[in-house]
Protein backbone atom coordinates (compact mmCIF):
# COMPACT_ATOMS: atom_id res chain seq x y z
CA UNK A 1 -17.27 -19.52 -1.19
CA UNK A 2 -15.45 -21.21 -4.26
CA UNK A 3 -12.20 -18.89 -3.98
CA UNK A 4 -11.17 -20.47 -7.91
CA UNK A 5 -14.41 -19.41 -9.09
CA UNK A 6 -14.79 -16.13 -8.05
CA UNK A 7 -11.46 -15.62 -9.29
CA UNK A 8 -11.63 -16.54 -12.96
CA UNK A 9 -14.65 -14.54 -12.67
CA UNK A 10 -12.85 -11.63 -11.75
CA UNK A 11 -10.27 -11.85 -14.34
CA UNK A 12 -12.89 -12.77 -17.10
CA UNK A 13 -14.32 -9.06 -16.65
CA UNK A 14 -11.46 -7.59 -16.56
CA UNK A 15 -9.77 -8.99 -19.50
CA UNK A 16 -13.35 -8.78 -21.29
CA UNK A 17 -13.30 -4.81 -20.50
CA UNK A 18 -9.80 -4.60 -21.68
CA UNK A 19 -8.60 -3.19 -17.89
CA UNK A 20 -4.98 -3.79 -16.41
CA UNK A 21 -5.20 -5.42 -12.83
CA UNK A 22 -3.80 -2.08 -11.56
CA UNK A 23 -7.12 -0.46 -13.60
CA UNK A 24 -9.30 -2.88 -12.00
CA UNK A 25 -7.52 -2.03 -8.40
CA UNK A 26 -7.99 1.87 -8.89
CA UNK A 27 -11.21 1.42 -9.81
CA UNK A 28 -12.43 -0.35 -6.52
CA UNK A 29 -9.62 1.14 -4.49
CA UNK A 30 -7.35 -1.94 -3.60
CA UNK A 31 -3.65 -2.62 -4.82
CA UNK A 32 -2.89 -4.47 -8.06
CA UNK A 33 -1.45 -7.03 -5.63
CA UNK A 34 -4.68 -7.94 -3.97
CA UNK A 35 -6.19 -8.29 -7.56
CA UNK A 36 -4.10 -10.54 -8.66
CA UNK A 37 -4.12 -12.70 -5.47
CA UNK A 38 -7.96 -12.57 -6.24
CA UNK A 39 -7.41 -14.12 -9.67
CA UNK A 40 -5.21 -16.36 -8.34
CA UNK A 41 -7.51 -17.85 -6.06
CA UNK A 42 -5.49 -16.71 -2.68
CA UNK A 43 -7.67 -14.25 -1.28
CA UNK A 44 -11.41 -12.98 -1.94
CA UNK A 45 -12.61 -9.70 -2.15
CA UNK A 46 -14.38 -8.06 1.03
CA UNK A 47 -17.77 -8.99 0.95
CA UNK A 48 -19.45 -5.44 0.28
CA UNK A 49 -17.09 -5.03 -2.71
CA UNK A 50 -17.72 -8.34 -4.37
CA UNK A 51 -21.30 -7.18 -4.35
CA UNK A 52 -20.37 -3.82 -5.83
CA UNK A 53 -18.46 -5.78 -8.40
CA UNK A 54 -21.34 -7.70 -9.03
CA UNK A 55 -23.46 -5.07 -9.53
CA UNK A 56 -21.57 -2.87 -11.55
CA UNK A 57 -21.11 -5.55 -14.33
CA UNK A 58 -24.80 -7.24 -13.66
CA UNK A 59 -23.84 -10.12 -12.07
CA UNK A 60 -26.37 -12.36 -9.92
CA UNK A 61 -24.49 -12.24 -6.75
CA UNK A 62 -26.90 -14.86 -4.97
CA UNK A 63 -25.91 -17.23 -7.72
CA UNK A 64 -22.37 -16.50 -7.74
CA UNK A 65 -21.98 -17.56 -3.83
CA UNK A 66 -25.34 -19.15 -3.49
CA UNK A 67 -28.29 -17.97 -1.17
CA UNK A 68 -27.02 -20.13 1.88
CA UNK A 69 -24.13 -18.63 1.69
CA UNK A 70 -25.05 -15.49 1.33
CA UNK A 71 -27.26 -15.55 4.63
CA UNK A 72 -23.95 -16.79 6.31
CA UNK A 73 -21.63 -14.45 5.07
CA UNK A 74 -24.14 -11.12 5.54
CA UNK A 75 -24.38 -12.51 8.79
CA UNK A 76 -21.02 -13.03 9.89
CA UNK A 77 -19.95 -9.81 8.50
CA UNK A 78 -21.63 -8.14 11.21
CA UNK A 79 -20.70 -10.16 13.99
CA UNK A 80 -16.78 -10.83 13.20
CA UNK A 81 -15.59 -8.77 15.75
CA UNK A 82 -17.97 -10.63 18.59
CA UNK A 83 -16.96 -14.03 16.62
CA UNK A 84 -13.17 -13.02 17.54
CA UNK A 85 -13.46 -11.94 21.16
CA UNK A 86 -15.72 -15.29 22.01
CA UNK A 87 -13.11 -17.90 20.14
CA UNK A 88 -10.25 -16.04 22.35
CA UNK A 89 -12.11 -16.15 24.83
CA UNK A 90 -12.93 -20.26 24.60
CA UNK A 91 -9.16 -20.62 23.77
CA UNK A 92 -7.73 -19.12 26.44
CA UNK A 93 -10.51 -20.42 28.69
CA UNK A 94 -9.39 -24.38 27.45
CA UNK A 95 -5.91 -23.99 28.11
CA UNK A 96 -5.53 -22.50 31.06
CA UNK A 97 -8.65 -22.93 32.86
CA UNK A 98 -8.87 -19.75 34.26
CA UNK A 99 -11.55 -17.01 34.30
CA UNK A 100 -10.31 -13.98 31.65
CA UNK A 101 -11.40 -10.79 31.87
CA UNK A 102 -11.23 -8.06 28.80
CA UNK A 103 -10.26 -4.60 28.40
CA UNK A 104 -10.54 -2.46 25.24
CA UNK A 105 -7.90 -1.05 23.84
CA UNK A 106 -7.67 2.40 21.94
CA UNK A 107 -6.17 5.28 20.96
CA UNK A 108 -5.60 9.36 22.20
CA UNK A 109 -3.89 9.45 18.68
CA UNK A 110 -5.99 12.15 16.67
CA UNK A 111 -4.55 10.71 13.39
CA UNK A 112 -5.01 7.02 13.83
CA UNK A 113 -8.21 4.75 15.18
CA UNK A 114 -7.61 1.32 16.76
CA UNK A 115 -9.51 -1.56 17.56
CA UNK A 116 -8.63 -4.29 19.74
CA UNK A 117 -8.50 -5.85 23.44
CA UNK A 118 -6.54 -7.37 26.09
CA UNK A 119 -7.59 -10.62 27.81
CA UNK A 120 -5.78 -11.34 30.69
CA UNK A 121 -5.88 -13.03 34.50
CA UNK A 122 -3.41 -12.72 37.12
CA UNK A 123 -0.47 -14.32 35.66
CA UNK A 124 -0.84 -13.52 31.97
CA UNK A 125 -2.44 -11.73 29.14
CA UNK A 126 -3.16 -11.92 25.39
CA UNK A 127 -3.02 -8.91 23.03
CA UNK A 128 -5.05 -8.61 20.28
CA UNK A 129 -5.11 -5.72 17.75
CA UNK A 130 -7.58 -6.18 15.08
CA UNK A 131 -8.08 -2.80 13.12
CA UNK A 132 -6.08 0.60 12.67
CA UNK A 133 -7.72 3.35 10.60
CA UNK A 134 -5.12 6.09 9.46
CA UNK A 135 -7.38 9.72 9.81
CA UNK A 136 -4.47 11.93 9.02
CA UNK A 137 -3.62 14.24 6.36
CA UNK A 138 -4.45 12.22 2.90
CA UNK A 139 -0.71 10.14 2.37
CA UNK A 140 -0.82 8.72 -1.07
CA UNK A 141 2.50 7.97 -1.06
CA UNK A 142 4.12 4.60 -1.95
CA UNK A 143 6.66 3.02 0.32
CA UNK A 144 8.99 0.64 -0.19
CA UNK A 145 8.77 -0.96 3.58
CA UNK A 146 6.55 -0.82 6.35
CA UNK A 147 7.39 -1.78 10.06
CA UNK A 148 5.09 -2.14 12.80
CA UNK A 149 6.29 -2.55 16.22
CA UNK A 150 3.64 -3.25 19.76
CA UNK A 151 6.33 -2.48 22.28
CA UNK A 152 5.75 -1.57 26.48
CA UNK A 153 7.34 1.32 27.87
CA UNK A 154 8.40 1.12 30.97
CA UNK A 155 10.90 3.86 32.80
CA UNK A 156 11.03 5.26 29.06
CA UNK A 157 12.94 2.12 28.50
CA UNK A 158 10.83 0.09 25.16
CA UNK A 159 10.38 -3.47 25.59
CA UNK A 160 9.11 -4.76 21.79
CA UNK A 161 5.89 -7.12 22.34
CA UNK A 162 5.47 -8.12 18.83
CA UNK A 163 6.98 -6.72 15.41
CA UNK A 164 5.39 -7.19 11.88
CA UNK A 165 7.20 -5.81 8.55
CA UNK A 166 5.67 -5.64 5.28
CA UNK A 167 8.47 -5.33 2.22
CA UNK A 168 6.52 -4.06 -0.97
CA UNK A 169 5.19 -1.21 -2.36
CA UNK A 170 2.46 -0.03 -0.85
CA UNK A 171 0.95 2.96 0.72
CA UNK A 172 0.29 3.18 4.15
CA UNK A 173 -3.82 2.89 4.00
CA UNK A 174 -3.52 -0.09 2.08
CA UNK A 175 -0.97 -1.75 4.54
CA UNK A 176 -3.09 -1.31 7.32
CA UNK A 177 -6.52 -2.36 5.80
CA UNK A 178 -5.01 -5.88 6.29
CA UNK A 179 -3.02 -5.31 9.39
CA UNK A 180 -4.14 -7.17 12.51
CA UNK A 181 -1.83 -8.40 16.07
CA UNK A 182 -2.15 -11.16 17.80
CA UNK A 183 0.10 -11.98 20.91
CA UNK A 184 -0.70 -15.10 23.12
CA UNK A 185 0.37 -15.61 26.41
CA UNK A 186 1.88 -12.26 26.91
CA UNK A 187 4.57 -12.34 30.59
CA UNK A 188 3.03 -9.48 31.83
CA UNK A 189 -0.07 -9.59 33.22
CA UNK A 190 -3.16 -6.83 32.72
CA UNK A 191 -2.15 -5.47 36.50
CA UNK A 192 1.23 -4.10 35.16
CA UNK A 193 0.37 -1.88 32.82
CA UNK A 194 0.26 1.30 33.90
CA UNK A 195 -1.44 4.07 32.18
CA UNK A 196 -0.42 4.48 27.94
CA UNK A 197 2.48 2.03 28.72
CA UNK A 198 1.63 -0.13 25.50
CA UNK A 199 2.59 1.68 22.22
CA UNK A 200 2.00 0.89 18.38
CA UNK A 201 5.50 2.30 16.21
CA UNK A 202 5.23 2.56 12.69
CA UNK A 203 8.26 3.20 10.60
CA UNK A 204 7.29 4.12 6.67
CA UNK A 205 10.18 4.02 4.71
CA UNK A 206 10.54 5.16 1.12
CA UNK A 207 14.03 3.94 1.16
CA UNK A 208 17.26 3.48 3.61
CA UNK A 209 17.81 6.92 4.16
CA UNK A 210 13.99 8.34 4.20
CA UNK A 211 11.54 7.19 6.59
CA UNK A 212 8.12 8.44 7.91
CA UNK A 213 7.79 7.52 11.98
CA UNK A 214 4.16 7.13 13.75
CA UNK A 215 4.03 7.01 17.26
CA UNK A 216 0.42 5.51 18.51
CA UNK A 217 -0.09 5.47 22.49
CA UNK A 218 -2.49 2.98 23.52
CA UNK A 219 -5.13 2.94 26.24
CA UNK A 220 -7.41 0.66 27.67
CA UNK A 221 -10.46 1.16 28.78
CA UNK A 222 -10.64 0.53 32.41
CA UNK A 223 -7.73 0.24 34.86
CA UNK A 224 -6.89 -3.36 35.10
CA UNK A 225 -8.02 -5.31 39.01
């Protein structure tokens, strides 16, 4: 899809309806920063959201993206998780010429839902977390910084694997919408992971002296061979 064309269309819709970027963002439950990126052609709305915008303002979605692109996009929308797993598998196979196995990552934490996987052989592993949903109590707090750390706990000692940091005003839900972690060729093989040894730690800061901490234990669907 032509991101500049769609961005210009969204800006035109917003201006004609006398909406600020925040007004438009609130209408579609996104951040005003996301709307700004759409209008500048730096990003595109989710395909479902784009359809909704077209419906709301009587725009022909098929003409906007092209019928051929529409079919491709719709198909990709449903099979993206499969594509990710297949792509990771192919890359790992080509790079190492070994057969990798996969384990699904989940969590027992009642406030979060996690989607991810570990690809591994006898020497190393790669970790991919593609989605986190916060399903705890509604939290509309705007934090000025959010840190998310993936670590492995060994004998009560935390070993950091990967860390992501966002330094801008954002809610926890909006931060998690675009969150993902990918760690290639992690030194530990799957065999050494003990039950619930992997954790995600989320620190949401209101300021330097006020921080909310979430610790999310991660589990693999089966014991590694």
